[in-house]
N, C-alpha and C. Protein backbone atom coordinates (compact mmCIF):
# COMPACT_ATOMS: atom_id res chain seq x y z
N MET A 1 46.79 0.42 -14.51
CA MET A 1 45.46 -0.10 -14.31
C MET A 1 44.93 0.29 -12.93
N THR A 2 45.77 0.22 -11.92
CA THR A 2 45.32 0.57 -10.57
C THR A 2 44.97 2.05 -10.48
N HIS A 3 45.69 2.89 -11.24
CA HIS A 3 45.37 4.31 -11.26
C HIS A 3 43.97 4.52 -11.82
N TYR A 4 43.64 3.82 -12.89
CA TYR A 4 42.31 3.93 -13.50
C TYR A 4 41.22 3.50 -12.52
N ILE A 5 41.45 2.41 -11.82
CA ILE A 5 40.46 1.91 -10.86
C ILE A 5 40.29 2.89 -9.70
N LYS A 6 41.41 3.45 -9.21
CA LYS A 6 41.31 4.43 -8.12
C LYS A 6 40.59 5.69 -8.56
N GLU A 7 40.78 6.12 -9.80
CA GLU A 7 40.11 7.31 -10.30
C GLU A 7 38.65 7.05 -10.63
N THR A 8 38.33 5.83 -11.04
CA THR A 8 36.95 5.51 -11.44
C THR A 8 36.06 5.26 -10.24
N PHE A 9 36.53 4.50 -9.27
CA PHE A 9 35.71 4.12 -8.13
C PHE A 9 36.07 4.95 -6.90
N THR A 10 35.67 6.22 -6.95
CA THR A 10 35.93 7.09 -5.82
C THR A 10 34.69 7.18 -4.94
N LEU A 11 34.87 7.64 -3.73
CA LEU A 11 33.77 7.77 -2.78
C LEU A 11 32.76 8.80 -3.28
N HIS A 12 33.25 9.88 -3.86
CA HIS A 12 32.37 10.92 -4.37
C HIS A 12 31.47 10.39 -5.48
N LYS A 13 32.02 9.59 -6.37
CA LYS A 13 31.22 9.04 -7.47
C LYS A 13 30.20 8.03 -6.95
N PHE A 14 30.55 7.26 -5.94
CA PHE A 14 29.59 6.32 -5.36
C PHE A 14 28.45 7.07 -4.68
N LYS A 15 28.78 8.13 -3.94
CA LYS A 15 27.74 8.93 -3.29
C LYS A 15 26.80 9.53 -4.32
N ARG A 16 27.37 10.07 -5.39
CA ARG A 16 26.57 10.68 -6.44
C ARG A 16 25.66 9.65 -7.10
N LEU A 17 26.16 8.46 -7.33
CA LEU A 17 25.36 7.39 -7.93
C LEU A 17 24.23 6.97 -7.02
N ILE A 18 24.53 6.78 -5.74
CA ILE A 18 23.51 6.32 -4.80
C ILE A 18 22.44 7.39 -4.61
N ILE A 19 22.84 8.65 -4.49
CA ILE A 19 21.86 9.73 -4.33
C ILE A 19 21.01 9.86 -5.58
N GLY A 20 21.62 9.80 -6.74
CA GLY A 20 20.86 9.92 -7.99
C GLY A 20 19.86 8.79 -8.16
N GLU A 21 20.29 7.58 -7.88
CA GLU A 21 19.37 6.44 -8.01
C GLU A 21 18.26 6.51 -6.99
N THR A 22 18.59 6.87 -5.76
CA THR A 22 17.58 6.91 -4.70
C THR A 22 16.53 7.99 -4.99
N VAL A 23 16.97 9.17 -5.35
CA VAL A 23 16.02 10.25 -5.64
C VAL A 23 15.16 9.89 -6.84
N GLY A 24 15.78 9.38 -7.88
CA GLY A 24 15.03 9.01 -9.08
C GLY A 24 14.01 7.93 -8.80
N LYS A 25 14.39 6.89 -8.08
CA LYS A 25 13.46 5.80 -7.80
C LYS A 25 12.37 6.22 -6.85
N PHE A 26 12.69 7.06 -5.87
CA PHE A 26 11.68 7.52 -4.93
C PHE A 26 10.60 8.33 -5.63
N PHE A 27 11.02 9.31 -6.44
CA PHE A 27 10.03 10.13 -7.13
C PHE A 27 9.27 9.34 -8.19
N SER A 28 9.93 8.39 -8.84
CA SER A 28 9.21 7.57 -9.82
C SER A 28 8.17 6.71 -9.13
N PHE A 29 8.49 6.21 -7.94
CA PHE A 29 7.52 5.42 -7.18
C PHE A 29 6.31 6.28 -6.80
N LEU A 30 6.57 7.49 -6.31
CA LEU A 30 5.47 8.38 -5.93
C LEU A 30 4.61 8.76 -7.13
N ILE A 31 5.23 9.13 -8.23
CA ILE A 31 4.48 9.52 -9.42
C ILE A 31 3.70 8.32 -9.97
N GLY A 32 4.30 7.14 -9.92
CA GLY A 32 3.59 5.94 -10.37
C GLY A 32 2.36 5.66 -9.53
N LEU A 33 2.48 5.82 -8.22
CA LEU A 33 1.31 5.63 -7.35
C LEU A 33 0.24 6.68 -7.62
N LEU A 34 0.66 7.91 -7.81
CA LEU A 34 -0.31 8.97 -8.06
C LEU A 34 -0.97 8.83 -9.43
N SER A 35 -0.28 8.22 -10.39
CA SER A 35 -0.87 8.06 -11.72
C SER A 35 -2.02 7.06 -11.72
N ILE A 36 -2.06 6.17 -10.75
CA ILE A 36 -3.17 5.22 -10.66
C ILE A 36 -4.47 5.96 -10.35
N ASN A 37 -4.36 7.11 -9.67
CA ASN A 37 -5.57 7.88 -9.35
C ASN A 37 -6.25 8.44 -10.59
N LEU A 38 -5.57 8.44 -11.73
CA LEU A 38 -6.21 8.88 -12.96
C LEU A 38 -7.32 7.92 -13.39
N PHE A 39 -7.22 6.66 -12.98
CA PHE A 39 -8.17 5.64 -13.42
C PHE A 39 -9.22 5.32 -12.37
N THR A 40 -9.17 5.92 -11.21
CA THR A 40 -10.13 5.59 -10.15
C THR A 40 -10.79 6.85 -9.61
N TYR A 41 -11.98 6.66 -9.08
CA TYR A 41 -12.64 7.73 -8.36
C TYR A 41 -13.53 7.12 -7.29
N ASN A 42 -13.92 7.93 -6.30
CA ASN A 42 -14.70 7.45 -5.17
C ASN A 42 -16.12 8.01 -5.26
N VAL A 43 -17.08 7.17 -4.92
CA VAL A 43 -18.48 7.60 -4.85
C VAL A 43 -19.06 7.09 -3.53
N LEU A 44 -20.11 7.73 -3.09
CA LEU A 44 -20.81 7.27 -1.89
C LEU A 44 -21.87 6.24 -2.30
N GLU A 45 -22.10 5.29 -1.41
CA GLU A 45 -23.08 4.25 -1.65
C GLU A 45 -24.48 4.85 -1.74
N ARG A 46 -25.28 4.34 -2.66
CA ARG A 46 -26.65 4.83 -2.81
C ARG A 46 -27.52 4.36 -1.65
N LYS A 47 -28.64 5.05 -1.47
CA LYS A 47 -29.60 4.60 -0.47
C LYS A 47 -30.20 3.28 -0.94
N ASP A 48 -30.09 2.28 -0.08
CA ASP A 48 -30.54 0.96 -0.46
C ASP A 48 -30.95 0.20 0.80
N PHE A 49 -31.38 -1.00 0.61
CA PHE A 49 -31.78 -1.83 1.73
C PHE A 49 -30.61 -2.12 2.66
N HIS A 50 -29.39 -2.22 2.09
CA HIS A 50 -28.20 -2.56 2.88
C HIS A 50 -27.87 -1.51 3.92
N ASN A 51 -28.13 -0.24 3.64
CA ASN A 51 -27.87 0.80 4.65
C ASN A 51 -29.17 1.38 5.20
N LEU A 52 -30.22 0.57 5.18
CA LEU A 52 -31.55 0.92 5.70
C LEU A 52 -32.05 2.25 5.11
N PHE A 53 -31.88 2.37 3.79
CA PHE A 53 -32.37 3.51 3.03
C PHE A 53 -31.85 4.85 3.56
N GLY A 54 -30.56 4.86 3.93
CA GLY A 54 -29.91 6.10 4.33
C GLY A 54 -29.85 6.33 5.83
N LEU A 55 -30.41 5.43 6.63
CA LEU A 55 -30.32 5.62 8.08
C LEU A 55 -28.94 5.28 8.60
N LEU A 56 -28.32 4.27 8.06
CA LEU A 56 -26.94 3.92 8.43
C LEU A 56 -25.98 4.77 7.60
N PRO A 57 -24.77 4.97 8.09
CA PRO A 57 -23.82 5.79 7.30
C PRO A 57 -23.48 5.12 5.97
N ARG A 58 -23.29 5.94 4.99
CA ARG A 58 -22.97 5.44 3.66
C ARG A 58 -21.49 5.06 3.58
N LYS A 59 -21.20 4.04 2.80
CA LYS A 59 -19.81 3.63 2.57
C LYS A 59 -19.28 4.34 1.34
N GLU A 60 -17.97 4.53 1.34
CA GLU A 60 -17.33 5.09 0.16
C GLU A 60 -16.85 3.95 -0.72
N ILE A 61 -17.22 3.98 -1.98
CA ILE A 61 -16.89 2.90 -2.92
C ILE A 61 -15.88 3.43 -3.93
N VAL A 62 -14.85 2.64 -4.20
CA VAL A 62 -13.84 2.99 -5.20
C VAL A 62 -14.25 2.37 -6.53
N VAL A 63 -14.34 3.21 -7.56
CA VAL A 63 -14.74 2.75 -8.88
C VAL A 63 -13.52 2.78 -9.78
N HIS A 64 -13.21 1.65 -10.39
CA HIS A 64 -12.09 1.55 -11.34
C HIS A 64 -12.63 1.69 -12.76
N THR A 65 -12.10 2.63 -13.51
CA THR A 65 -12.56 2.83 -14.88
C THR A 65 -11.75 2.03 -15.88
N ALA A 66 -10.66 1.42 -15.46
CA ALA A 66 -9.82 0.60 -16.35
C ALA A 66 -9.47 -0.68 -15.62
N PRO A 67 -9.11 -1.71 -16.37
CA PRO A 67 -8.69 -2.95 -15.70
C PRO A 67 -7.45 -2.74 -14.84
N HIS A 68 -7.28 -3.62 -13.88
CA HIS A 68 -6.18 -3.49 -12.93
C HIS A 68 -4.83 -3.56 -13.63
N TRP A 69 -4.70 -4.42 -14.63
CA TRP A 69 -3.41 -4.57 -15.31
C TRP A 69 -3.05 -3.32 -16.09
N VAL A 70 -4.07 -2.59 -16.61
CA VAL A 70 -3.79 -1.34 -17.33
C VAL A 70 -3.29 -0.28 -16.35
N GLU A 71 -3.89 -0.24 -15.16
CA GLU A 71 -3.43 0.70 -14.14
C GLU A 71 -1.98 0.44 -13.76
N LEU A 72 -1.65 -0.82 -13.54
CA LEU A 72 -0.27 -1.16 -13.15
C LEU A 72 0.72 -0.88 -14.27
N LEU A 73 0.33 -1.19 -15.51
CA LEU A 73 1.21 -0.93 -16.65
C LEU A 73 1.44 0.58 -16.82
N PHE A 74 0.38 1.34 -16.70
CA PHE A 74 0.50 2.79 -16.81
C PHE A 74 1.38 3.36 -15.70
N ALA A 75 1.19 2.88 -14.46
CA ALA A 75 2.01 3.34 -13.34
C ALA A 75 3.48 2.98 -13.55
N ALA A 76 3.75 1.79 -14.08
CA ALA A 76 5.14 1.37 -14.30
C ALA A 76 5.80 2.22 -15.39
N VAL A 77 5.07 2.48 -16.47
CA VAL A 77 5.65 3.28 -17.56
C VAL A 77 5.90 4.71 -17.11
N ILE A 78 4.92 5.32 -16.45
CA ILE A 78 5.08 6.69 -15.96
C ILE A 78 6.22 6.75 -14.94
N GLY A 79 6.28 5.77 -14.04
CA GLY A 79 7.35 5.73 -13.04
C GLY A 79 8.72 5.61 -13.68
N PHE A 80 8.84 4.77 -14.71
CA PHE A 80 10.12 4.60 -15.39
C PHE A 80 10.56 5.89 -16.08
N VAL A 81 9.62 6.55 -16.74
CA VAL A 81 9.94 7.81 -17.43
C VAL A 81 10.40 8.87 -16.43
N VAL A 82 9.72 8.96 -15.30
CA VAL A 82 10.10 9.94 -14.28
C VAL A 82 11.47 9.60 -13.69
N MET A 83 11.73 8.31 -13.46
CA MET A 83 13.03 7.91 -12.92
C MET A 83 14.15 8.28 -13.88
N GLU A 84 13.96 8.01 -15.16
CA GLU A 84 14.99 8.35 -16.13
C GLU A 84 15.17 9.86 -16.25
N LEU A 85 14.07 10.61 -16.16
CA LEU A 85 14.15 12.06 -16.23
C LEU A 85 14.95 12.63 -15.05
N PHE A 86 14.67 12.15 -13.84
CA PHE A 86 15.42 12.61 -12.67
C PHE A 86 16.89 12.21 -12.77
N TYR A 87 17.16 11.00 -13.22
CA TYR A 87 18.55 10.57 -13.36
C TYR A 87 19.28 11.44 -14.38
N PHE A 88 18.60 11.77 -15.49
CA PHE A 88 19.21 12.63 -16.51
C PHE A 88 19.49 14.02 -15.95
N LEU A 89 18.54 14.57 -15.19
CA LEU A 89 18.74 15.91 -14.61
C LEU A 89 19.88 15.92 -13.61
N ILE A 90 19.98 14.88 -12.80
CA ILE A 90 21.08 14.81 -11.83
C ILE A 90 22.42 14.69 -12.56
N GLN A 91 22.47 13.88 -13.62
CA GLN A 91 23.70 13.77 -14.40
C GLN A 91 24.05 15.10 -15.05
N LEU A 92 23.04 15.84 -15.54
CA LEU A 92 23.28 17.13 -16.17
C LEU A 92 23.84 18.13 -15.17
N ILE A 93 23.28 18.14 -13.96
CA ILE A 93 23.77 19.05 -12.91
C ILE A 93 25.21 18.70 -12.55
N ASN A 94 25.49 17.40 -12.39
CA ASN A 94 26.85 16.99 -12.04
C ASN A 94 27.83 17.31 -13.16
N THR A 95 27.41 17.15 -14.41
CA THR A 95 28.30 17.45 -15.53
C THR A 95 28.62 18.94 -15.57
N ARG A 96 27.59 19.77 -15.37
CA ARG A 96 27.84 21.21 -15.36
C ARG A 96 28.77 21.59 -14.22
N TRP A 97 28.57 20.99 -13.05
CA TRP A 97 29.41 21.29 -11.90
C TRP A 97 30.86 20.89 -12.20
N MET A 98 31.04 19.72 -12.81
CA MET A 98 32.39 19.28 -13.15
C MET A 98 33.01 20.19 -14.21
N TRP A 99 32.20 20.66 -15.17
CA TRP A 99 32.71 21.55 -16.21
C TRP A 99 33.18 22.86 -15.59
N GLU A 100 32.39 23.43 -14.70
CA GLU A 100 32.79 24.69 -14.04
C GLU A 100 34.04 24.48 -13.19
N ARG A 101 34.10 23.36 -12.51
CA ARG A 101 35.26 23.08 -11.66
C ARG A 101 36.52 22.92 -12.52
N SER A 102 36.41 22.20 -13.63
CA SER A 102 37.59 22.01 -14.49
C SER A 102 37.99 23.31 -15.17
N LYS A 103 36.99 24.15 -15.52
CA LYS A 103 37.31 25.43 -16.14
C LYS A 103 38.06 26.33 -15.15
N ARG A 104 37.61 26.35 -13.88
CA ARG A 104 38.30 27.15 -12.87
C ARG A 104 39.72 26.65 -12.64
N SER A 105 39.88 25.32 -12.60
CA SER A 105 41.23 24.79 -12.38
C SER A 105 42.13 25.08 -13.58
N TYR A 106 41.58 25.05 -14.79
CA TYR A 106 42.37 25.38 -15.98
C TYR A 106 42.81 26.84 -15.96
N ILE A 107 41.88 27.72 -15.56
CA ILE A 107 42.22 29.14 -15.51
C ILE A 107 43.29 29.40 -14.45
N SER A 108 43.16 28.76 -13.29
CA SER A 108 44.18 28.96 -12.26
C SER A 108 45.52 28.36 -12.69
N PHE A 109 45.50 27.23 -13.39
CA PHE A 109 46.73 26.63 -13.90
C PHE A 109 47.39 27.54 -14.93
N LYS A 110 46.57 28.13 -15.79
CA LYS A 110 47.09 29.03 -16.80
C LYS A 110 47.72 30.26 -16.15
N GLY A 111 47.07 30.77 -15.09
CA GLY A 111 47.63 31.93 -14.37
C GLY A 111 48.95 31.59 -13.70
N LYS A 112 49.06 30.39 -13.14
CA LYS A 112 50.32 29.97 -12.51
C LYS A 112 51.43 29.86 -13.54
N MET A 113 51.09 29.34 -14.71
CA MET A 113 52.10 29.21 -15.76
C MET A 113 52.58 30.57 -16.23
N LYS A 114 51.66 31.54 -16.33
CA LYS A 114 52.06 32.88 -16.74
C LYS A 114 52.97 33.52 -15.71
N ARG A 115 52.66 33.31 -14.41
CA ARG A 115 53.48 33.87 -13.34
C ARG A 115 54.88 33.25 -13.38
N LYS A 116 54.94 31.95 -13.68
CA LYS A 116 56.25 31.30 -13.75
C LYS A 116 57.08 31.83 -14.92
N GLN A 117 56.41 32.13 -16.03
CA GLN A 117 57.13 32.66 -17.18
C GLN A 117 57.63 34.08 -16.92
N ILE A 118 56.86 34.84 -16.15
CA ILE A 118 57.28 36.22 -15.83
C ILE A 118 58.48 36.18 -14.88
N ASP A 119 58.47 35.26 -13.91
CA ASP A 119 59.56 35.17 -12.94
C ASP A 119 60.75 34.59 -13.61
C-alpha cells in the first residue's frame, strides 16, 4: 500500500496538476470576461441639456443588450468549457509525453536484454 501511495502522490504529478489547473482556470477566467463584451457596446452621449448641447465633453455610455444574469451565465458556461478544454489538452500532452518516455525505456530495456543474451 505504501508503494502505491508513493507512486501516486509524487512531486511531479502534483506540479503537473497545479500547473494544469492554474492555466485552465486563468484562461477560462479571461475568456469568460471577454465573452461579456459580446452583449455590451459603448456609445457617446447625445447632445442634450445635460452637456449644454455639446459644449461640455460627452460621456461614454455602456449599453447592455441582454440582462445581467444572462451575461454572467454565458460567461460562466464559456469559461467552464474553456477550462475543461485546456485541462484536456494538458492531459493529452502529458499522456503523449509519458507514452514516448515509456516506449523509449521499453526499447532500451529490450536492447539490454538482447545484449545479455548475446554475452
